[in-house]
Amino acid sequence: MNWLPAVVILAVCIGIALIRVGIGPTVPDRIVGLDTVNTIIVVTMVILGAAFQEVVYVDVAIVYALLSFVTTLFIAKYIEKGKF
């Protein structure tokens, strides 16, 4: 149960980042907020994987991080040029 405070703190951080997504004055602010949420989710999965000694959490975290990175690149390109 030593992992519980870390997960609670990360959940609060996700809430703060979601507030930025909701009230971000510009689209790039919202994208940075979503990217922050994705990064915190990856960190949470790695912490849970270490806490439960399950490799599958880390594997899923790696795949999720790669998909998040590619999605962020596509969104940034779309905002810059207006098309894919």
N, C-alpha and C. Protein backbone atom coordinates (compact mmCIF):
# COMPACT_ATOMS: atom_id res chain seq x y z
N MET A 1 0.81 -1.21 0.00
CA MET A 1 0.00 0.00 0.00
C MET A 1 0.86 1.27 0.00
N ASN A 2 2.17 1.13 -0.16
CA ASN A 2 3.03 2.30 -0.20
C ASN A 2 2.85 3.09 -1.49
N TRP A 3 2.25 2.49 -2.48
CA TRP A 3 2.05 3.15 -3.76
C TRP A 3 0.82 4.06 -3.76
N LEU A 4 -0.06 3.89 -2.79
CA LEU A 4 -1.32 4.65 -2.78
C LEU A 4 -1.12 6.16 -2.72
N PRO A 5 -0.26 6.71 -1.86
CA PRO A 5 -0.09 8.17 -1.86
C PRO A 5 0.43 8.71 -3.19
N ALA A 6 1.32 7.96 -3.83
CA ALA A 6 1.85 8.41 -5.12
C ALA A 6 0.75 8.46 -6.17
N VAL A 7 -0.11 7.46 -6.18
CA VAL A 7 -1.20 7.43 -7.16
C VAL A 7 -2.21 8.54 -6.89
N VAL A 8 -2.46 8.82 -5.62
CA VAL A 8 -3.39 9.92 -5.28
C VAL A 8 -2.81 11.26 -5.73
N ILE A 9 -1.52 11.47 -5.50
CA ILE A 9 -0.88 12.71 -5.93
C ILE A 9 -0.93 12.83 -7.45
N LEU A 10 -0.68 11.73 -8.16
CA LEU A 10 -0.75 11.76 -9.62
C LEU A 10 -2.17 12.01 -10.10
N ALA A 11 -3.16 11.50 -9.39
CA ALA A 11 -4.56 11.76 -9.76
C ALA A 11 -4.89 13.24 -9.61
N VAL A 12 -4.37 13.87 -8.56
CA VAL A 12 -4.57 15.31 -8.38
C VAL A 12 -3.91 16.07 -9.52
N CYS A 13 -2.71 15.63 -9.92
CA CYS A 13 -2.01 16.28 -11.03
C CYS A 13 -2.80 16.13 -12.34
N ILE A 14 -3.41 14.97 -12.54
CA ILE A 14 -4.25 14.78 -13.73
C ILE A 14 -5.43 15.73 -13.69
N GLY A 15 -6.02 15.91 -12.51
CA GLY A 15 -7.13 16.85 -12.39
C GLY A 15 -6.72 18.28 -12.72
N ILE A 16 -5.55 18.68 -12.27
CA ILE A 16 -5.05 20.03 -12.58
C ILE A 16 -4.81 20.18 -14.07
N ALA A 17 -4.24 19.14 -14.70
CA ALA A 17 -3.99 19.21 -16.14
C ALA A 17 -5.31 19.23 -16.91
N LEU A 18 -6.32 18.51 -16.42
CA LEU A 18 -7.63 18.53 -17.10
C LEU A 18 -8.31 19.90 -16.98
N ILE A 19 -8.04 20.60 -15.90
CA ILE A 19 -8.54 21.97 -15.78
C ILE A 19 -7.92 22.83 -16.87
N ARG A 20 -6.62 22.64 -17.13
CA ARG A 20 -5.95 23.39 -18.20
C ARG A 20 -6.55 23.03 -19.55
N VAL A 21 -6.89 21.77 -19.74
CA VAL A 21 -7.53 21.37 -20.99
C VAL A 21 -8.88 22.04 -21.13
N GLY A 22 -9.60 22.14 -20.04
CA GLY A 22 -10.94 22.73 -20.10
C GLY A 22 -10.96 24.23 -20.29
N ILE A 23 -10.05 24.94 -19.64
CA ILE A 23 -10.10 26.40 -19.69
C ILE A 23 -8.96 27.01 -20.50
N GLY A 24 -8.17 26.15 -21.15
CA GLY A 24 -7.04 26.69 -21.92
C GLY A 24 -7.51 27.71 -22.94
N PRO A 25 -6.94 28.90 -22.93
CA PRO A 25 -7.43 29.93 -23.84
C PRO A 25 -7.12 29.63 -25.31
N THR A 26 -6.07 28.86 -25.57
CA THR A 26 -5.72 28.56 -26.96
C THR A 26 -5.66 27.05 -27.15
N VAL A 27 -5.70 26.64 -28.40
CA VAL A 27 -5.63 25.22 -28.73
C VAL A 27 -4.29 24.61 -28.30
N PRO A 28 -3.15 25.28 -28.51
CA PRO A 28 -1.90 24.69 -28.02
C PRO A 28 -1.88 24.45 -26.50
N ASP A 29 -2.53 25.33 -25.73
CA ASP A 29 -2.63 25.11 -24.28
C ASP A 29 -3.37 23.82 -23.99
N ARG A 30 -4.43 23.57 -24.72
CA ARG A 30 -5.22 22.35 -24.52
C ARG A 30 -4.42 21.11 -24.92
N ILE A 31 -3.65 21.23 -25.99
CA ILE A 31 -2.85 20.09 -26.43
C ILE A 31 -1.76 19.78 -25.41
N VAL A 32 -1.12 20.80 -24.87
CA VAL A 32 -0.10 20.58 -23.84
C VAL A 32 -0.73 19.95 -22.60
N GLY A 33 -1.94 20.37 -22.26
CA GLY A 33 -2.65 19.77 -21.13
C GLY A 33 -2.93 18.29 -21.36
N LEU A 34 -3.37 17.95 -22.56
CA LEU A 34 -3.63 16.54 -22.87
C LEU A 34 -2.34 15.73 -22.87
N ASP A 35 -1.28 16.30 -23.39
CA ASP A 35 -0.01 15.60 -23.39
C ASP A 35 0.49 15.38 -21.96
N THR A 36 0.26 16.35 -21.10
CA THR A 36 0.62 16.21 -19.69
C THR A 36 -0.18 15.09 -19.04
N VAL A 37 -1.47 15.03 -19.32
CA VAL A 37 -2.31 13.96 -18.79
C VAL A 37 -1.79 12.61 -19.26
N ASN A 38 -1.46 12.50 -20.53
CA ASN A 38 -0.94 11.23 -21.05
C ASN A 38 0.37 10.84 -20.36
N THR A 39 1.25 11.79 -20.14
CA THR A 39 2.51 11.50 -19.47
C THR A 39 2.28 11.04 -18.04
N ILE A 40 1.37 11.67 -17.34
CA ILE A 40 1.09 11.28 -15.96
C ILE A 40 0.46 9.88 -15.92
N ILE A 41 -0.36 9.56 -16.90
CA ILE A 41 -0.95 8.22 -16.97
C ILE A 41 0.15 7.18 -17.17
N VAL A 42 1.12 7.47 -18.02
CA VAL A 42 2.23 6.53 -18.24
C VAL A 42 3.01 6.34 -16.93
N VAL A 43 3.29 7.41 -16.23
CA VAL A 43 4.01 7.32 -14.96
C VAL A 43 3.20 6.49 -13.96
N THR A 44 1.89 6.70 -13.91
CA THR A 44 1.04 5.93 -13.00
C THR A 44 1.09 4.44 -13.32
N MET A 45 1.05 4.10 -14.61
CA MET A 45 1.13 2.69 -14.99
C MET A 45 2.46 2.07 -14.60
N VAL A 46 3.54 2.82 -14.75
CA VAL A 46 4.86 2.28 -14.35
C VAL A 46 4.92 2.10 -12.84
N ILE A 47 4.40 3.04 -12.08
CA ILE A 47 4.39 2.90 -10.62
C ILE A 47 3.55 1.70 -10.19
N LEU A 48 2.39 1.52 -10.80
CA LEU A 48 1.56 0.37 -10.46
C LEU A 48 2.23 -0.94 -10.87
N GLY A 49 2.93 -0.93 -12.00
CA GLY A 49 3.66 -2.12 -12.42
C GLY A 49 4.75 -2.49 -11.42
N ALA A 50 5.45 -1.49 -10.90
CA ALA A 50 6.47 -1.75 -9.90
C ALA A 50 5.86 -2.19 -8.57
N ALA A 51 4.73 -1.59 -8.22
CA ALA A 51 4.09 -1.92 -6.95
C ALA A 51 3.54 -3.34 -6.95
N PHE A 52 2.92 -3.75 -8.04
CA PHE A 52 2.33 -5.09 -8.12
C PHE A 52 3.29 -6.11 -8.72
N GLN A 53 4.48 -5.68 -9.10
CA GLN A 53 5.49 -6.53 -9.71
C GLN A 53 4.92 -7.27 -10.93
N GLU A 54 4.26 -6.52 -11.79
CA GLU A 54 3.68 -7.04 -13.02
C GLU A 54 4.31 -6.31 -14.20
N VAL A 55 4.89 -7.07 -15.10
CA VAL A 55 5.56 -6.48 -16.26
C VAL A 55 4.56 -5.95 -17.27
N VAL A 56 3.35 -6.48 -17.27
CA VAL A 56 2.37 -6.09 -18.28
C VAL A 56 2.02 -4.60 -18.16
N TYR A 57 2.04 -4.05 -16.96
CA TYR A 57 1.76 -2.62 -16.80
C TYR A 57 2.82 -1.78 -17.50
N VAL A 58 4.06 -2.18 -17.38
CA VAL A 58 5.15 -1.43 -18.02
C VAL A 58 5.06 -1.57 -19.53
N ASP A 59 4.73 -2.77 -20.02
CA ASP A 59 4.57 -2.97 -21.46
C ASP A 59 3.46 -2.09 -22.02
N VAL A 60 2.35 -2.05 -21.33
CA VAL A 60 1.23 -1.20 -21.77
C VAL A 60 1.62 0.27 -21.69
N ALA A 61 2.38 0.65 -20.69
CA ALA A 61 2.82 2.04 -20.55
C ALA A 61 3.71 2.45 -21.71
N ILE A 62 4.59 1.54 -22.16
CA ILE A 62 5.47 1.86 -23.28
C ILE A 62 4.66 2.05 -24.56
N VAL A 63 3.72 1.17 -24.81
CA VAL A 63 2.88 1.29 -26.01
C VAL A 63 2.04 2.56 -25.94
N TYR A 64 1.48 2.84 -24.78
CA TYR A 64 0.66 4.04 -24.60
C TYR A 64 1.49 5.30 -24.82
N ALA A 65 2.73 5.31 -24.32
CA ALA A 65 3.60 6.48 -24.49
C ALA A 65 3.93 6.69 -25.96
N LEU A 66 4.20 5.62 -26.69
CA LEU A 66 4.49 5.76 -28.13
C LEU A 66 3.28 6.28 -28.89
N LEU A 67 2.10 5.74 -28.60
CA LEU A 67 0.89 6.22 -29.28
C LEU A 67 0.59 7.67 -28.92
N SER A 68 0.82 8.03 -27.67
CA SER A 68 0.60 9.42 -27.25
C SER A 68 1.55 10.37 -27.97
N PHE A 69 2.80 9.97 -28.11
CA PHE A 69 3.79 10.79 -28.79
C PHE A 69 3.41 10.99 -30.26
N VAL A 70 3.04 9.93 -30.93
CA VAL A 70 2.67 10.02 -32.35
C VAL A 70 1.41 10.88 -32.51
N THR A 71 0.45 10.70 -31.62
CA THR A 71 -0.77 11.51 -31.69
C THR A 71 -0.46 12.99 -31.49
N THR A 72 0.41 13.30 -30.55
CA THR A 72 0.78 14.70 -30.33
C THR A 72 1.47 15.28 -31.56
N LEU A 73 2.31 14.50 -32.21
CA LEU A 73 2.96 14.98 -33.44
C LEU A 73 1.93 15.26 -34.53
N PHE A 74 0.97 14.36 -34.71
CA PHE A 74 -0.05 14.57 -35.73
C PHE A 74 -0.90 15.81 -35.44
N ILE A 75 -1.26 15.99 -34.19
CA ILE A 75 -2.07 17.17 -33.84
C ILE A 75 -1.28 18.45 -34.06
N ALA A 76 0.01 18.45 -33.68
CA ALA A 76 0.84 19.64 -33.88
C ALA A 76 0.99 19.95 -35.36
N LYS A 77 1.16 18.91 -36.18
CA LYS A 77 1.27 19.13 -37.63
C LYS A 77 -0.04 19.67 -38.19
N TYR A 78 -1.16 19.16 -37.70
CA TYR A 78 -2.46 19.63 -38.18
C TYR A 78 -2.67 21.09 -37.82
N ILE A 79 -2.29 21.48 -36.60
CA ILE A 79 -2.46 22.87 -36.19
C ILE A 79 -1.55 23.79 -37.02
N GLU A 80 -0.35 23.33 -37.32
CA GLU A 80 0.60 24.17 -38.04
C GLU A 80 0.20 24.36 -39.49
N LYS A 81 -0.17 23.28 -40.17
CA LYS A 81 -0.45 23.35 -41.62
C LYS A 81 -1.93 23.33 -41.96
N GLY A 82 -2.76 22.84 -41.07
CA GLY A 82 -4.18 22.77 -41.35
C GLY A 82 -4.63 21.51 -42.07
N LYS A 83 -3.71 20.59 -42.33
CA LYS A 83 -4.06 19.31 -42.93
C LYS A 83 -3.00 18.28 -42.54
N PHE A 84 -3.34 17.01 -42.77
CA PHE A 84 -2.41 15.93 -42.40
C PHE A 84 -1.45 15.66 -43.51
